[in-house]
Protein backbone atom coordinates (compact mmCIF):
# COMPACT_ATOMS: atom_id res chain seq x y z
CA MET A 1 10.88 -7.23 30.48
CA PHE A 2 8.53 -4.25 30.29
CA LYS A 3 5.77 -4.08 27.70
CA ARG A 4 3.20 -1.38 26.98
CA GLN A 5 -0.27 -2.40 27.98
CA PRO A 6 -3.28 -1.85 25.65
CA GLY A 7 -4.76 0.73 27.99
CA ASP A 8 -1.72 2.99 28.26
CA GLU A 9 -2.45 6.69 27.98
CA ASN A 10 0.15 6.98 25.24
CA ALA A 11 -2.00 5.11 22.75
CA ASN A 12 -2.22 7.08 19.52
CA HIS A 13 -5.47 8.94 18.98
CA MET A 14 -5.77 7.66 15.41
CA SER A 15 -6.41 4.06 16.50
CA GLY A 16 -9.83 2.83 17.57
CA PRO A 17 -13.35 2.57 16.16
CA SER A 18 -13.28 5.94 14.38
CA ALA A 19 -10.13 4.98 12.46
CA GLU A 20 -11.59 1.64 11.41
CA GLN A 21 -14.83 3.31 10.35
CA GLU A 22 -12.96 5.83 8.19
CA LYS A 23 -10.95 3.06 6.54
CA LYS A 24 -14.07 0.98 5.83
CA SER A 25 -15.87 4.01 4.42
CA ALA A 26 -12.96 4.77 2.08
CA ALA A 27 -12.83 1.14 0.90
CA LEU A 28 -16.60 1.03 0.31
CA ASN A 29 -16.50 4.24 -1.72
CA SER A 30 -13.77 2.66 -3.86
CA VAL A 31 -16.01 -0.39 -4.49
CA SER A 32 -18.89 1.84 -5.61
CA ALA A 33 -16.64 3.78 -7.98
CA ALA A 34 -15.30 0.53 -9.48
CA VAL A 35 -18.84 -0.73 -10.18
CA LEU A 36 -19.76 2.54 -11.93
CA LEU A 37 -16.65 2.66 -14.10
CA THR A 38 -16.78 -1.02 -15.08
CA GLY A 39 -20.36 -0.74 -16.27
CA LEU A 40 -19.69 2.43 -18.27
CA LYS A 41 -16.54 1.08 -19.94
CA VAL A 42 -18.06 -2.28 -20.89
CA GLY A 43 -21.09 -0.64 -22.47
CA ILE A 44 -19.20 2.03 -24.41
CA GLY A 45 -16.36 -0.33 -25.32
CA LEU A 46 -18.71 -2.88 -26.89
CA TRP A 47 -20.69 -0.19 -28.68
CA CYS A 48 -17.60 1.51 -30.13
CA GLY A 49 -15.57 -1.66 -30.67
CA SER A 50 -12.62 -0.07 -28.85
CA MET A 51 -10.02 -2.54 -27.62
CA GLY A 52 -8.46 0.20 -25.52
CA ILE A 53 -11.72 0.88 -23.68
CA LEU A 54 -12.46 -2.84 -23.28
CA ALA A 55 -8.98 -3.29 -21.85
CA GLU A 56 -9.75 -0.53 -19.41
CA ALA A 57 -13.12 -2.20 -18.67
CA ALA A 58 -11.29 -5.42 -17.79
CA HIS A 59 -8.93 -3.35 -15.67
CA SER A 60 -11.87 -1.71 -13.90
CA GLY A 61 -13.54 -5.09 -13.43
CA LEU A 62 -10.49 -6.26 -11.56
CA ASP A 63 -10.48 -2.94 -9.74
CA PHE A 64 -13.92 -3.89 -8.46
CA VAL A 65 -12.73 -7.30 -7.27
CA ALA A 66 -9.61 -5.77 -5.71
CA ALA A 67 -11.61 -3.00 -4.04
CA LEU A 68 -14.07 -5.56 -2.68
CA VAL A 69 -11.22 -7.70 -1.34
CA THR A 70 -9.71 -4.57 0.22
CA TYR A 71 -13.02 -3.69 1.87
CA ILE A 72 -13.37 -7.19 3.33
CA ALA A 73 -9.72 -7.16 4.42
CA VAL A 74 -10.00 -3.77 6.13
CA ARG A 75 -13.05 -5.00 8.07
CA ALA A 76 -11.30 -8.21 9.11
CA ALA A 77 -7.98 -6.51 9.92
CA GLY A 78 -9.73 -4.16 12.33
CA ARG A 79 -10.59 -6.99 14.72
CA PRO A 80 -8.65 -6.84 18.00
CA ALA A 81 -5.91 -9.31 18.91
CA ASP A 82 -7.00 -12.60 20.45
CA ALA A 83 -5.41 -15.75 21.89
CA GLU A 84 -4.79 -17.24 18.44
CA HIS A 85 -3.61 -13.97 16.88
CA PRO A 86 -1.61 -12.10 19.57
CA TYR A 87 -0.31 -9.62 16.99
CA GLY A 88 -3.79 -8.83 15.70
CA HIS A 89 -5.24 -9.44 12.23
CA GLY A 90 -3.36 -6.73 10.33
CA LYS A 91 -1.65 -9.21 7.99
CA ILE A 92 -5.02 -9.66 6.27
CA GLU A 93 -4.45 -6.25 4.68
CA ASN A 94 -1.10 -7.43 3.32
CA LEU A 95 -2.74 -10.56 1.90
CA SER A 96 -5.42 -8.49 0.18
CA ALA A 97 -2.72 -6.37 -1.46
CA MET A 98 -1.11 -9.57 -2.76
CA VAL A 99 -4.45 -10.77 -4.17
CA GLU A 100 -4.84 -7.43 -5.94
CA ALA A 101 -1.38 -7.73 -7.51
CA LEU A 102 -2.11 -11.26 -8.77
CA LEU A 103 -5.48 -10.22 -10.21
CA LEU A 104 -3.90 -7.35 -12.10
CA LEU A 105 -1.17 -9.56 -13.56
CA GLY A 106 -3.75 -12.13 -14.60
CA THR A 107 -5.74 -9.71 -16.73
CA CYS A 108 -2.65 -8.46 -18.56
CA GLY A 109 -2.36 -11.74 -20.48
CA TRP A 110 -5.73 -11.28 -22.18
CA ILE A 111 -5.14 -7.59 -22.89
CA ILE A 112 -1.74 -8.24 -24.50
CA TYR A 113 -3.00 -11.23 -26.52
CA GLU A 114 -5.99 -9.41 -27.96
CA ALA A 115 -4.07 -6.21 -28.70
CA ILE A 116 -1.32 -8.08 -30.57
CA ALA A 117 -3.94 -10.03 -32.53
CA ARG A 118 -5.48 -6.76 -33.70
CA LEU A 119 -2.10 -5.33 -34.64
CA VAL A 120 -1.08 -8.41 -36.63
CA SER A 121 -4.19 -9.72 -38.33
CA LYS A 122 -7.58 -8.58 -37.10
CA SER A 123 -9.31 -5.71 -38.85
CA ILE A 124 -11.94 -4.38 -36.46
CA HIS A 125 -13.67 -1.06 -36.86
CA VAL A 126 -13.31 1.27 -33.88
CA GLU A 127 -15.88 4.03 -33.46
CA ALA A 128 -14.10 6.87 -31.65
CA SER A 129 -17.33 8.62 -30.73
CA VAL A 130 -17.86 11.43 -28.29
CA TRP A 131 -19.28 8.85 -25.88
CA ALA A 132 -15.99 6.97 -25.88
CA PHE A 133 -14.11 10.14 -25.01
CA GLY A 134 -16.75 11.03 -22.43
CA VAL A 135 -16.57 7.76 -20.50
CA MET A 136 -12.76 7.93 -20.36
CA ALA A 137 -12.92 11.53 -19.12
CA ILE A 138 -15.34 10.43 -16.37
CA SER A 139 -12.98 7.58 -15.52
CA ILE A 140 -10.06 9.99 -15.07
CA LEU A 141 -12.08 12.30 -12.80
CA VAL A 142 -13.33 9.41 -10.66
CA ASP A 143 -9.86 7.87 -10.37
CA ILE A 144 -8.25 11.18 -9.37
CA THR A 145 -10.90 11.71 -6.69
CA ARG A 146 -10.77 8.24 -5.18
CA SER A 147 -6.98 7.88 -5.35
CA ARG A 148 -6.57 11.13 -3.39
CA MET A 149 -9.20 10.04 -0.88
CA LEU A 150 -7.63 6.59 -0.41
CA LYS A 151 -4.12 8.04 -0.14
CA ARG A 152 -5.21 10.48 2.55
CA VAL A 153 -6.84 7.74 4.66
CA ALA A 154 -3.99 5.29 4.00
CA VAL A 155 -1.33 7.74 5.20
CA LYS A 156 -3.40 8.80 8.20
CA HIS A 157 -3.97 5.23 9.39
CA ARG A 158 -0.95 3.49 7.82
CA SER A 159 -3.07 1.01 5.86
CA GLN A 160 -1.13 -0.94 3.22
CA ALA A 161 -4.35 -2.24 1.66
CA LEU A 162 -5.73 1.26 1.10
CA GLU A 163 -2.31 2.52 0.02
CA ALA A 164 -2.20 -0.24 -2.61
CA ASP A 165 -5.61 0.86 -3.90
CA ALA A 166 -4.50 4.50 -3.98
CA LEU A 167 -1.37 3.67 -5.97
CA HIS A 168 -3.38 1.48 -8.30
CA PHE A 169 -6.01 4.09 -9.07
CA SER A 170 -3.48 6.89 -9.50
CA THR A 171 -1.87 4.85 -12.32
CA ASP A 172 -5.34 4.27 -13.78
CA VAL A 173 -5.43 7.97 -14.56
CA TRP A 174 -2.41 7.60 -16.85
CA SER A 175 -3.70 4.44 -18.50
CA SER A 176 -7.02 6.16 -19.23
CA ALA A 177 -5.15 9.09 -20.73
CA VAL A 178 -3.29 6.65 -23.01
CA VAL A 179 -6.60 5.19 -24.19
CA ILE A 180 -7.82 8.69 -25.04
CA LEU A 181 -4.68 9.24 -27.12
CA GLY A 182 -5.43 5.97 -28.92
CA LEU A 183 -8.96 7.13 -29.72
CA ILE A 184 -7.59 10.43 -31.01
CA GLY A 185 -5.30 8.45 -33.31
CA VAL A 186 -8.30 6.52 -34.68
CA ARG A 187 -10.15 9.76 -35.45
CA VAL A 188 -7.11 11.30 -37.11
CA ALA A 189 -6.69 8.19 -39.29
CA ALA A 190 -10.33 8.46 -40.40
CA LYS A 191 -9.92 12.09 -41.51
CA VAL A 192 -6.37 11.97 -42.93
CA PRO A 193 -5.83 9.00 -45.32
CA SER A 194 -2.05 9.46 -45.30
CA LEU A 195 -2.11 8.73 -41.58
CA SER A 196 -4.23 5.58 -41.87
CA PHE A 197 -1.67 3.63 -39.81
CA LEU A 198 -3.00 5.47 -36.75
CA VAL A 199 -6.07 3.24 -36.88
CA LYS A 200 -3.92 0.78 -34.93
CA ALA A 201 -3.37 3.36 -32.21
CA ASP A 202 -6.20 1.89 -30.14
CA ALA A 203 -4.50 -1.51 -29.96
CA VAL A 204 -1.16 0.14 -29.18
CA ALA A 205 -2.87 2.04 -26.38
CA ALA A 206 -4.15 -1.26 -24.98
CA LEU A 207 -0.58 -2.63 -24.94
CA ILE A 208 0.65 0.46 -23.09
CA VAL A 209 -2.16 0.06 -20.56
CA ALA A 210 -1.11 -3.56 -20.02
CA ALA A 211 2.53 -2.51 -19.53
CA ILE A 212 1.51 0.05 -16.92
CA VAL A 213 -0.57 -2.56 -15.10
CA VAL A 214 2.32 -5.06 -15.12
CA VAL A 215 4.78 -2.53 -13.65
CA VAL A 216 2.37 -1.42 -10.91
CA SER A 217 1.44 -5.02 -10.08
CA LEU A 218 5.07 -6.11 -9.75
CA GLN A 219 5.90 -3.13 -7.52
CA LEU A 220 2.90 -3.86 -5.35
CA GLY A 221 3.74 -7.56 -5.22
CA VAL A 222 7.32 -6.93 -4.07
CA ARG A 223 6.18 -4.59 -1.29
CA THR A 224 3.51 -7.06 -0.18
CA VAL A 225 5.94 -9.99 -0.05
CA GLN A 226 8.32 -7.88 2.04
CA ALA A 227 5.49 -7.11 4.48
CA LEU A 228 4.43 -10.76 4.71
CA LEU A 229 8.06 -11.77 5.37
CA ASP A 230 8.30 -9.16 8.16
CA ALA A 231 10.96 -7.13 6.37
CA ALA A 232 11.96 -4.21 8.58
CA PRO A 233 11.69 -0.71 7.09
CA GLY A 234 15.09 0.41 5.84
CA GLY A 235 17.19 2.36 8.30
CA VAL A 236 14.54 2.55 11.05
CA ALA A 237 16.30 0.12 13.41
CA GLU A 238 19.45 2.26 13.28
CA LYS A 239 17.41 5.41 13.97
CA ILE A 240 15.71 3.77 16.95
CA LYS A 241 19.05 2.61 18.35
CA ALA A 242 20.58 6.09 18.01
CA ALA A 243 17.52 7.80 19.53
CA VAL A 244 17.31 5.44 22.51
CA GLN A 245 21.03 5.75 23.28
CA GLU A 246 20.57 9.52 23.58
CA ILE A 247 18.34 8.99 26.64
CA LYS A 248 20.14 9.67 29.92
CA GLY A 249 20.57 6.42 31.83
CA VAL A 250 20.71 4.18 28.74
CA HIS A 251 24.23 2.85 28.30
CA ASP A 252 23.56 0.79 25.19
CA CYS A 253 20.73 -0.26 22.87
CA HIS A 254 20.98 -3.42 20.80
CA ALA A 255 19.02 -6.35 19.31
CA VAL A 256 16.43 -3.99 17.82
CA ARG A 257 13.76 -5.92 15.90
CA ILE A 258 10.85 -4.48 13.97
CA ARG A 259 7.89 -6.15 12.29
CA HIS A 260 4.55 -4.82 11.19
CA SER A 261 1.12 -6.32 10.90
CA GLY A 262 -1.17 -4.25 8.71
CA PRO A 263 -0.94 -0.62 9.86
CA ARG A 264 0.80 -1.31 13.17
CA TYR A 265 4.48 -1.78 14.01
CA PHE A 266 5.81 -4.08 16.72
CA VAL A 267 9.23 -3.24 18.14
CA ASP A 268 11.34 -5.08 20.69
CA LEU A 269 14.78 -4.03 21.85
CA HIS A 270 17.38 -4.66 24.55
CA VAL A 271 18.97 -1.90 26.62
CA LEU A 272 21.73 -1.78 29.22
CA LEU A 273 20.65 0.11 32.37
CA ASP A 274 22.27 0.74 35.72
CA GLY A 275 21.80 -2.55 37.56
CA SER A 276 21.85 -0.92 41.00
CA GLN A 277 18.77 1.25 40.48
CA THR A 278 15.34 0.31 41.82
CA LEU A 279 12.79 -1.59 39.77
CA GLU A 280 10.54 1.47 39.83
CA ALA A 281 13.29 3.67 38.40
CA ALA A 282 14.06 1.09 35.71
CA HIS A 283 10.39 0.91 34.76
CA GLU A 284 10.15 4.71 34.50
CA LEU A 285 13.15 4.70 32.19
CA THR A 286 11.66 2.01 29.95
CA GLU A 287 8.51 4.13 29.68
CA ARG A 288 10.63 6.99 28.37
CA ILE A 289 12.28 4.61 25.92
CA GLU A 290 8.88 3.49 24.60
CA GLN A 291 7.79 7.11 24.15
CA LYS A 292 11.01 7.84 22.26
CA VAL A 293 10.43 4.92 19.89
CA ARG A 294 6.88 6.13 19.21
CA THR A 295 8.19 9.47 18.04
CA LEU A 296 9.66 7.49 15.11
CA LEU A 297 6.87 4.91 14.77
CA PRO A 298 3.61 6.35 16.15
CA ASP A 299 1.31 3.92 17.96
CA ALA A 300 3.96 1.17 17.85
CA ASP A 301 3.68 -1.74 20.25
CA VAL A 302 7.04 -1.55 22.05
CA THR A 303 8.68 -4.18 24.24
CA VAL A 304 11.84 -3.19 26.15
CA HIS A 305 14.14 -5.81 27.67
CA PRO A 306 16.42 -4.20 30.29
CA GLU A 307 19.80 -5.75 31.11
CA PRO A 308 22.07 -4.76 34.04
CA TRP A 309 25.09 -2.61 33.28
CA LYS A 310 28.06 -2.19 35.57
CA ALA A 311 30.82 0.35 35.15
CA GLN A 312 34.12 -1.23 34.30
CA PRO A 313 36.73 -0.57 37.04
CA ILE A 314 39.59 1.71 36.01
CA HIS A 315 42.75 -0.32 35.61
CA ASN A 316 45.40 0.74 38.14
CA ILE A 317 48.68 0.95 36.31
CA ALA A 318 50.59 1.15 39.62
CA GLU A 319 49.51 -2.38 40.46
CA ASP A 320 51.40 -3.66 37.42
CA ILE A 321 54.68 -2.08 38.50
């Protein structure tokens, strides 16, 4: 069995201290943004009495917790493999994504309860001031900026934790836009008596925000569970098998298994090679196989198990006569 060693020259240039530093920097910037937005939304939401903004404040508060968990997870996941964790610590990123999903689902209960209470019975004055619009506009700008930044780093370094944050904050943009529409409805109701029913628009906006959060949380939760259960990416095993069998000298590729821990994939496969060739020749061929697999999954840890192949003798029909 031939396995790539940590010091191989084929190691991807994106791994290493610089990659971990970039990931930690992105996560820390997300934490700072969450602190800023939470403080602004709580203050303006309480002052204006806006349920929509307070719902967004609760959302941002959980964003802070989730971003902090992501930062801690990214730091921990960057530690090298050891005797107790031979596959590294990448699963910590998957666990942090699960924590984020659970936190988001937890806050939805309070948002939905309070919004329905306002729609059914409560009569609370909402002040749709310019400050309320201003803080939501700032929230949208910050979320657009950090979601793009997190997405770029997540794709570059294949970080599920950062990708979860990026997806989360990109949906925050839409939820903030919904809150702004709710505030517009409140202002319209105040100026046009015949449209007084729009005073409830703020509570409706809060319900829509909660629905968005639920959908995103469930999607994130499903993906995280799949990662924790080592679900292989769809169709990749078949692509690896087809690509390896194209290599001259490989007679068959089978038993392809793929798992990933954090940003890194681990692949092991069996191949049939000419059993009469030298060990050196077989090793050179397995090196080519590993390189081929990494064209599909960059920086993958690849283990190749060679098995001897012998040509089947041609059946002599004359012998049967």
